[in-house]
Amino acid sequence: MISEDFRKQLEGYGLTTAKILYRLPDHQRLLQTFVWQDYDLFPRFPQLQKFLDFWRRELEGPLHSVTVAHARLIHPSEIRAMNGEFYLN
């Protein structure tokens, strides 16, 4: 049986990491960091958008900024066919 994460990678999902800075509810001048990571689709990031909507709706700490990094883990091969042979002694 194939894992859910591997299936998502085959469908084009990549590993997405978001660094979320938010203000503390009781001390608005202080910022706290939260790191979120999941498989998501570039460039719309529906999973991240769903999480941020939940954050705005359910959590008290207002968002300050979100920085996103994304990488596809399965992609076309980077090996190129070459003409010629090389012999090493």
N, C-alpha and C. Protein backbone atom coordinates (compact mmCIF):
# COMPACT_ATOMS: atom_id res chain seq x y z
N MET A 1 0.84 -1.19 0.00
CA MET A 1 0.00 0.00 0.00
C MET A 1 0.88 1.25 0.00
N ILE A 2 0.53 2.20 -0.81
CA ILE A 2 1.31 3.44 -0.96
C ILE A 2 0.92 4.44 0.14
N SER A 3 1.92 5.16 0.64
CA SER A 3 1.62 6.12 1.71
C SER A 3 0.94 7.36 1.13
N GLU A 4 0.17 8.04 1.95
CA GLU A 4 -0.55 9.25 1.54
C GLU A 4 0.42 10.35 1.14
N ASP A 5 1.52 10.50 1.86
CA ASP A 5 2.50 11.53 1.53
C ASP A 5 3.14 11.27 0.16
N PHE A 6 3.49 10.02 -0.12
CA PHE A 6 4.10 9.69 -1.41
C PHE A 6 3.10 9.92 -2.54
N ARG A 7 1.84 9.56 -2.33
CA ARG A 7 0.81 9.78 -3.35
C ARG A 7 0.68 11.26 -3.66
N LYS A 8 0.70 12.10 -2.62
CA LYS A 8 0.61 13.55 -2.83
C LYS A 8 1.80 14.05 -3.65
N GLN A 9 2.99 13.54 -3.37
CA GLN A 9 4.16 13.97 -4.12
C GLN A 9 4.04 13.62 -5.59
N LEU A 10 3.49 12.44 -5.88
CA LEU A 10 3.29 12.04 -7.27
C LEU A 10 2.25 12.92 -7.96
N GLU A 11 1.32 13.47 -7.21
CA GLU A 11 0.29 14.35 -7.76
C GLU A 11 0.76 15.79 -7.91
N GLY A 12 2.01 16.08 -7.56
CA GLY A 12 2.54 17.42 -7.75
C GLY A 12 2.68 18.25 -6.48
N TYR A 13 2.31 17.68 -5.35
CA TYR A 13 2.47 18.41 -4.09
C TYR A 13 3.95 18.50 -3.74
N GLY A 14 4.33 19.57 -3.09
CA GLY A 14 5.70 19.74 -2.60
C GLY A 14 5.68 20.05 -1.12
N LEU A 15 6.81 19.90 -0.49
CA LEU A 15 6.92 20.19 0.94
C LEU A 15 6.94 21.71 1.13
N THR A 16 6.00 22.21 1.90
CA THR A 16 5.85 23.64 2.14
C THR A 16 6.09 23.92 3.62
N THR A 17 6.94 24.90 3.88
CA THR A 17 7.22 25.33 5.24
C THR A 17 6.88 26.81 5.35
N ALA A 18 6.11 27.16 6.36
CA ALA A 18 5.73 28.56 6.58
C ALA A 18 6.20 29.00 7.96
N LYS A 19 6.92 30.11 8.00
CA LYS A 19 7.30 30.72 9.27
C LYS A 19 6.30 31.83 9.53
N ILE A 20 5.53 31.66 10.57
CA ILE A 20 4.43 32.58 10.90
C ILE A 20 4.84 33.42 12.11
N LEU A 21 4.85 34.72 11.93
CA LEU A 21 5.07 35.64 13.04
C LEU A 21 3.71 36.19 13.45
N TYR A 22 3.42 36.15 14.73
CA TYR A 22 2.14 36.65 15.21
C TYR A 22 2.36 37.43 16.51
N ARG A 23 1.42 38.31 16.78
CA ARG A 23 1.49 39.13 17.99
C ARG A 23 0.85 38.37 19.15
N LEU A 24 1.46 38.47 20.32
CA LEU A 24 0.89 37.85 21.50
C LEU A 24 -0.40 38.57 21.88
N PRO A 25 -1.45 37.85 22.23
CA PRO A 25 -2.73 38.48 22.54
C PRO A 25 -2.66 39.49 23.68
N ASP A 26 -1.90 39.18 24.72
CA ASP A 26 -1.84 40.07 25.89
C ASP A 26 -0.78 41.15 25.78
N HIS A 27 0.18 40.96 24.88
CA HIS A 27 1.29 41.91 24.72
C HIS A 27 1.50 42.15 23.23
N GLN A 28 0.73 43.04 22.64
CA GLN A 28 0.71 43.24 21.20
C GLN A 28 2.06 43.67 20.60
N ARG A 29 2.96 44.19 21.41
CA ARG A 29 4.26 44.61 20.90
C ARG A 29 5.24 43.45 20.74
N LEU A 30 4.94 42.31 21.35
CA LEU A 30 5.81 41.15 21.27
C LEU A 30 5.38 40.22 20.15
N LEU A 31 6.38 39.71 19.41
CA LEU A 31 6.10 38.76 18.33
C LEU A 31 6.57 37.36 18.74
N GLN A 32 5.81 36.38 18.32
CA GLN A 32 6.13 34.98 18.56
C GLN A 32 6.21 34.28 17.21
N THR A 33 7.03 33.23 17.11
CA THR A 33 7.19 32.49 15.86
C THR A 33 6.51 31.12 15.97
N PHE A 34 5.84 30.73 14.86
CA PHE A 34 5.25 29.41 14.75
C PHE A 34 5.67 28.86 13.39
N VAL A 35 6.13 27.61 13.34
CA VAL A 35 6.52 26.99 12.07
C VAL A 35 5.50 25.93 11.70
N TRP A 36 4.96 26.05 10.49
CA TRP A 36 3.97 25.12 9.95
C TRP A 36 4.59 24.40 8.76
N GLN A 37 4.36 23.09 8.64
CA GLN A 37 4.91 22.33 7.52
C GLN A 37 3.93 21.25 7.09
N ASP A 38 3.70 21.17 5.77
CA ASP A 38 2.80 20.16 5.21
C ASP A 38 3.06 20.08 3.71
N TYR A 39 2.47 19.10 3.05
CA TYR A 39 2.55 19.01 1.59
C TYR A 39 1.46 19.91 1.03
N ASP A 40 1.84 20.74 0.03
CA ASP A 40 0.90 21.70 -0.52
C ASP A 40 1.22 21.94 -1.99
N LEU A 41 0.29 22.58 -2.70
CA LEU A 41 0.43 22.85 -4.13
C LEU A 41 0.87 24.29 -4.37
N PHE A 42 1.95 24.46 -5.12
CA PHE A 42 2.42 25.77 -5.53
C PHE A 42 1.61 26.21 -6.75
N PRO A 43 1.20 27.42 -6.94
CA PRO A 43 1.48 28.64 -6.19
C PRO A 43 0.35 29.08 -5.28
N ARG A 44 -0.77 28.38 -5.28
CA ARG A 44 -1.94 28.84 -4.49
C ARG A 44 -1.90 28.42 -3.03
N PHE A 45 -1.21 27.34 -2.72
CA PHE A 45 -1.06 26.82 -1.35
C PHE A 45 -2.42 26.67 -0.64
N PRO A 46 -3.29 25.79 -1.13
CA PRO A 46 -4.62 25.65 -0.51
C PRO A 46 -4.57 25.15 0.94
N GLN A 47 -3.65 24.25 1.28
CA GLN A 47 -3.56 23.76 2.66
C GLN A 47 -3.13 24.87 3.61
N LEU A 48 -2.15 25.66 3.19
CA LEU A 48 -1.69 26.77 4.02
C LEU A 48 -2.79 27.81 4.18
N GLN A 49 -3.50 28.11 3.10
CA GLN A 49 -4.61 29.07 3.18
C GLN A 49 -5.68 28.59 4.15
N LYS A 50 -5.98 27.29 4.10
CA LYS A 50 -6.96 26.71 5.03
C LYS A 50 -6.50 26.87 6.48
N PHE A 51 -5.21 26.61 6.73
CA PHE A 51 -4.67 26.76 8.08
C PHE A 51 -4.72 28.22 8.53
N LEU A 52 -4.33 29.15 7.66
CA LEU A 52 -4.34 30.57 8.03
C LEU A 52 -5.77 31.08 8.26
N ASP A 53 -6.74 30.57 7.49
CA ASP A 53 -8.14 30.92 7.74
C ASP A 53 -8.58 30.44 9.11
N PHE A 54 -8.18 29.21 9.47
CA PHE A 54 -8.48 28.69 10.80
C PHE A 54 -7.84 29.58 11.88
N TRP A 55 -6.59 29.97 11.65
CA TRP A 55 -5.88 30.82 12.61
C TRP A 55 -6.64 32.11 12.83
N ARG A 56 -7.00 32.79 11.76
CA ARG A 56 -7.71 34.08 11.88
C ARG A 56 -9.06 33.93 12.57
N ARG A 57 -9.73 32.82 12.31
CA ARG A 57 -11.07 32.59 12.84
C ARG A 57 -11.06 32.12 14.31
N GLU A 58 -10.10 31.27 14.69
CA GLU A 58 -10.15 30.60 15.99
C GLU A 58 -9.12 31.08 17.03
N LEU A 59 -8.01 31.62 16.61
CA LEU A 59 -6.94 31.96 17.54
C LEU A 59 -6.89 33.47 17.79
N GLU A 60 -6.43 33.83 18.97
CA GLU A 60 -6.44 35.24 19.37
C GLU A 60 -5.21 36.02 18.90
N GLY A 61 -4.09 35.37 18.64
CA GLY A 61 -2.87 36.08 18.25
C GLY A 61 -2.95 36.56 16.81
N PRO A 62 -3.06 37.90 16.59
CA PRO A 62 -3.14 38.40 15.21
C PRO A 62 -1.85 38.15 14.43
N LEU A 63 -2.00 37.79 13.16
CA LEU A 63 -0.86 37.52 12.30
C LEU A 63 -0.09 38.79 11.99
N HIS A 64 1.22 38.69 12.01
CA HIS A 64 2.08 39.80 11.62
C HIS A 64 2.61 39.57 10.20
N SER A 65 3.20 38.38 9.95
CA SER A 65 3.73 38.06 8.63
C SER A 65 3.86 36.55 8.47
N VAL A 66 3.89 36.13 7.20
CA VAL A 66 4.06 34.72 6.87
C VAL A 66 5.12 34.62 5.77
N THR A 67 6.16 33.83 6.01
CA THR A 67 7.20 33.59 5.02
C THR A 67 7.11 32.13 4.60
N VAL A 68 7.08 31.89 3.27
CA VAL A 68 6.84 30.54 2.76
C VAL A 68 8.04 30.04 1.96
N ALA A 69 8.42 28.78 2.19
CA ALA A 69 9.42 28.08 1.38
C ALA A 69 8.75 26.82 0.84
N HIS A 70 9.04 26.49 -0.42
CA HIS A 70 8.37 25.36 -1.06
C HIS A 70 9.39 24.61 -1.93
N ALA A 71 9.34 23.29 -1.89
CA ALA A 71 10.22 22.47 -2.73
C ALA A 71 9.50 21.21 -3.14
N ARG A 72 9.52 20.92 -4.45
CA ARG A 72 9.00 19.64 -4.92
C ARG A 72 10.07 18.59 -4.69
N LEU A 73 9.71 17.50 -4.04
CA LEU A 73 10.68 16.47 -3.70
C LEU A 73 10.85 15.45 -4.82
N ILE A 74 9.82 15.27 -5.63
CA ILE A 74 9.89 14.37 -6.78
C ILE A 74 9.73 15.23 -8.02
N HIS A 75 10.76 15.20 -8.88
CA HIS A 75 10.72 16.01 -10.09
C HIS A 75 11.44 15.26 -11.20
N PRO A 76 11.36 15.76 -12.44
CA PRO A 76 12.01 15.05 -13.54
C PRO A 76 13.50 14.84 -13.27
N SER A 77 14.01 13.77 -13.81
CA SER A 77 15.41 13.43 -13.60
C SER A 77 16.34 14.51 -14.13
N GLU A 78 17.46 14.69 -13.46
CA GLU A 78 18.43 15.69 -13.88
C GLU A 78 19.61 15.04 -14.61
N ILE A 79 19.48 13.78 -14.98
CA ILE A 79 20.53 13.07 -15.70
C ILE A 79 20.33 13.30 -17.20
N ARG A 80 21.42 13.66 -17.88
CA ARG A 80 21.36 13.88 -19.33
C ARG A 80 22.16 12.79 -20.02
N ALA A 81 21.68 12.35 -21.16
CA ALA A 81 22.41 11.36 -21.95
C ALA A 81 23.57 12.06 -22.66
N MET A 82 24.73 11.44 -22.64
CA MET A 82 25.93 12.00 -23.26
C MET A 82 26.41 11.05 -24.36
N ASN A 83 26.99 11.61 -25.39
CA ASN A 83 27.59 10.79 -26.43
C ASN A 83 29.07 10.61 -26.11
N GLY A 84 29.52 9.38 -26.16
CA GLY A 84 30.93 9.11 -25.93
C GLY A 84 31.14 8.17 -24.76
N GLU A 85 32.35 7.62 -24.70
CA GLU A 85 32.73 6.73 -23.62
C GLU A 85 34.07 7.16 -23.07
N PHE A 86 34.24 7.00 -21.79
CA PHE A 86 35.50 7.33 -21.16
C PHE A 86 36.00 6.11 -20.41
N TYR A 87 37.28 5.81 -20.56
CA TYR A 87 37.87 4.67 -19.89
C TYR A 87 38.86 5.16 -18.83
N LEU A 88 38.77 4.58 -17.67
CA LEU A 88 39.71 4.89 -16.59
C LEU A 88 40.54 3.65 -16.30
N ASN A 89 41.85 3.82 -16.13
CA ASN A 89 42.71 2.68 -15.81
C ASN A 89 42.59 2.32 -14.37
